[in-house]
Amino acid sequence: MSGTRTRDRTAARLHIDWTACEARGACLELLPHRLTTDDWGYPRPRDGGSEILLHARDVPDAEEAVALCPRMALTVLRSPGR
């Protein structure tokens, strides 16, 4: 049941194109409560999951990270109906 509640609160996901990402850090600065780094400095979900889940309050910062990413490695994927 908690997985359903998490999905219901999730407004979007932040997708990282790992082939383009060079670990520059703009996304980490804008979303420090959602992202951490791995051993090589690449962004990873802070919650240890496989996706970066975004609540509605995170979407503006995620969209700014997309706009500022020098490698265009980020995409905000909206949840259906949002």
C-alpha atoms as a PDB file:
ATOM      1  CA  MET A   1       0.000   0.000   0.000  1.00  0.00           C
ATOM      2  CA  SER A   2       2.822   2.462   0.716  1.00  0.00           C
ATOM      3  CA  GLY A   3       4.054   2.037  -2.885  1.00  0.00           C
ATOM      4  CA  THR A   4       0.668   3.194  -4.128  1.00  0.00           C
ATOM      5  CA  ARG A   5       0.772   6.255  -1.873  1.00  0.00           C
ATOM      6  CA  THR A   6       4.258   7.109  -3.157  1.00  0.00           C
ATOM      7  CA  ARG A   7       3.087   6.900  -6.773  1.00  0.00           C
ATOM      8  CA  ASP A   8       0.036   9.042  -5.974  1.00  0.00           C
ATOM      9  CA  ARG A   9       2.250  11.809  -4.541  1.00  0.00           C
ATOM     10  CA  THR A  10       4.717  11.593  -7.412  1.00  0.00           C
ATOM     11  CA  ALA A  11       4.113  14.369  -9.934  1.00  0.00           C
ATOM     12  CA  ALA A  12       6.987  13.457 -12.249  1.00  0.00           C
ATOM     13  CA  ARG A  13      10.291  11.650 -12.597  1.00  0.00           C
ATOM     14  CA  LEU A  14      13.697  13.043 -13.471  1.00  0.00           C
ATOM     15  CA  HIS A  15      15.341  10.950 -16.173  1.00  0.00           C
ATOM     16  CA  ILE A  16      19.119  11.059 -16.563  1.00  0.00           C
ATOM     17  CA  ASP A  17      20.654  10.074 -19.894  1.00  0.00           C
ATOM     18  CA  TRP A  18      23.746   8.330 -18.552  1.00  0.00           C
ATOM     19  CA  THR A  19      25.411   8.381 -21.972  1.00  0.00           C
ATOM     20  CA  ALA A  20      25.321  12.197 -21.954  1.00  0.00           C
ATOM     21  CA  CYS A  21      25.860  12.960 -18.250  1.00  0.00           C
ATOM     22  CA  GLU A  22      29.333  14.158 -17.294  1.00  0.00           C
ATOM     23  CA  ALA A  23      28.640  14.723 -13.571  1.00  0.00           C
ATOM     24  CA  ARG A  24      28.830  18.529 -13.761  1.00  0.00           C
ATOM     25  CA  GLY A  25      26.543  18.892 -10.723  1.00  0.00           C
ATOM     26  CA  ALA A  26      23.863  21.451 -11.664  1.00  0.00           C
ATOM     27  CA  CYS A  27      21.105  18.977 -10.852  1.00  0.00           C
ATOM     28  CA  LEU A  28      22.709  18.166  -7.501  1.00  0.00           C
ATOM     29  CA  GLU A  29      22.761  21.833  -6.532  1.00  0.00           C
ATOM     30  CA  LEU A  30      19.096  22.337  -7.416  1.00  0.00           C
ATOM     31  CA  LEU A  31      17.771  19.060  -5.984  1.00  0.00           C
ATOM     32  CA  PRO A  32      19.988  18.214  -2.989  1.00  0.00           C
ATOM     33  CA  HIS A  33      17.053  16.661  -1.113  1.00  0.00           C
ATOM     34  CA  ARG A  34      16.371  14.251  -4.025  1.00  0.00           C
ATOM     35  CA  LEU A  35      19.894  13.544  -5.318  1.00  0.00           C
ATOM     36  CA  THR A  36      23.210  12.408  -3.951  1.00  0.00           C
ATOM     37  CA  THR A  37      26.361  11.297  -5.755  1.00  0.00           C
ATOM     38  CA  ASP A  38      27.895   7.944  -6.425  1.00  0.00           C
ATOM     39  CA  ASP A  39      31.620   7.247  -5.987  1.00  0.00           C
ATOM     40  CA  TRP A  40      32.403   8.975  -9.299  1.00  0.00           C
ATOM     41  CA  GLY A  41      30.289  12.101  -8.716  1.00  0.00           C
ATOM     42  CA  TYR A  42      27.291  11.101 -10.826  1.00  0.00           C
ATOM     43  CA  PRO A  43      23.805  11.889  -9.510  1.00  0.00           C
ATOM     44  CA  ARG A  44      21.814   9.117  -7.862  1.00  0.00           C
ATOM     45  CA  PRO A  45      18.424   9.091  -6.139  1.00  0.00           C
ATOM     46  CA  ARG A  46      18.902   9.934  -2.467  1.00  0.00           C
ATOM     47  CA  ASP A  47      16.266   7.348  -1.501  1.00  0.00           C
ATOM     48  CA  GLY A  48      18.310   4.542  -3.069  1.00  0.00           C
ATOM     49  CA  GLY A  49      15.669   3.789  -5.689  1.00  0.00           C
ATOM     50  CA  SER A  50      16.226   3.323  -9.380  1.00  0.00           C
ATOM     51  CA  GLU A  51      14.321   6.471 -10.393  1.00  0.00           C
ATOM     52  CA  ILE A  52      14.364  10.068  -9.229  1.00  0.00           C
ATOM     53  CA  LEU A  53      10.793  10.626  -8.111  1.00  0.00           C
ATOM     54  CA  LEU A  54       9.616  14.221  -7.952  1.00  0.00           C
ATOM     55  CA  HIS A  55       6.813  15.696  -5.912  1.00  0.00           C
ATOM     56  CA  ALA A  56       4.980  18.705  -7.338  1.00  0.00           C
ATOM     57  CA  ARG A  57       7.129  21.076  -5.254  1.00  0.00           C
ATOM     58  CA  ASP A  58      10.290  19.577  -6.845  1.00  0.00           C
ATOM     59  CA  VAL A  59       9.203  20.017 -10.473  1.00  0.00           C
ATOM     60  CA  PRO A  60      10.213  23.696 -10.880  1.00  0.00           C
ATOM     61  CA  ASP A  61      13.735  22.969  -9.595  1.00  0.00           C
ATOM     62  CA  ALA A  62      13.955  19.870 -11.799  1.00  0.00           C
ATOM     63  CA  GLU A  63      12.880  21.894 -14.829  1.00  0.00           C
ATOM     64  CA  GLU A  64      15.566  24.466 -14.015  1.00  0.00           C
ATOM     65  CA  ALA A  65      18.142  21.672 -13.765  1.00  0.00           C
ATOM     66  CA  VAL A  66      17.033  20.442 -17.201  1.00  0.00           C
ATOM     67  CA  ALA A  67      17.481  23.941 -18.620  1.00  0.00           C
ATOM     68  CA  LEU A  68      20.915  24.381 -17.009  1.00  0.00           C
ATOM     69  CA  CYS A  69      22.360  20.937 -17.773  1.00  0.00           C
ATOM     70  CA  PRO A  70      25.322  21.626 -20.083  1.00  0.00           C
ATOM     71  CA  ARG A  71      25.106  18.141 -21.595  1.00  0.00           C
ATOM     72  CA  MET A  72      21.287  18.083 -21.995  1.00  0.00           C
ATOM     73  CA  ALA A  73      21.274  14.831 -20.040  1.00  0.00           C
ATOM     74  CA  LEU A  74      18.106  15.511 -18.040  1.00  0.00           C
ATOM     75  CA  THR A  75      14.412  15.175 -18.836  1.00  0.00           C
ATOM     76  CA  VAL A  76      11.376  15.685 -16.605  1.00  0.00           C
ATOM     77  CA  LEU A  77       8.866  12.928 -17.305  1.00  0.00           C
ATOM     78  CA  ARG A  78       5.376  13.885 -16.165  1.00  0.00           C
ATOM     79  CA  SER A  79       3.097  11.316 -14.596  1.00  0.00           C
ATOM     80  CA  PRO A  80      -0.125  10.681 -16.568  1.00  0.00           C
ATOM     81  CA  GLY A  81      -2.823  13.194 -15.774  1.00  0.00           C
ATOM     82  CA  ARG A  82      -0.406  15.789 -14.342  1.00  0.00           C
END
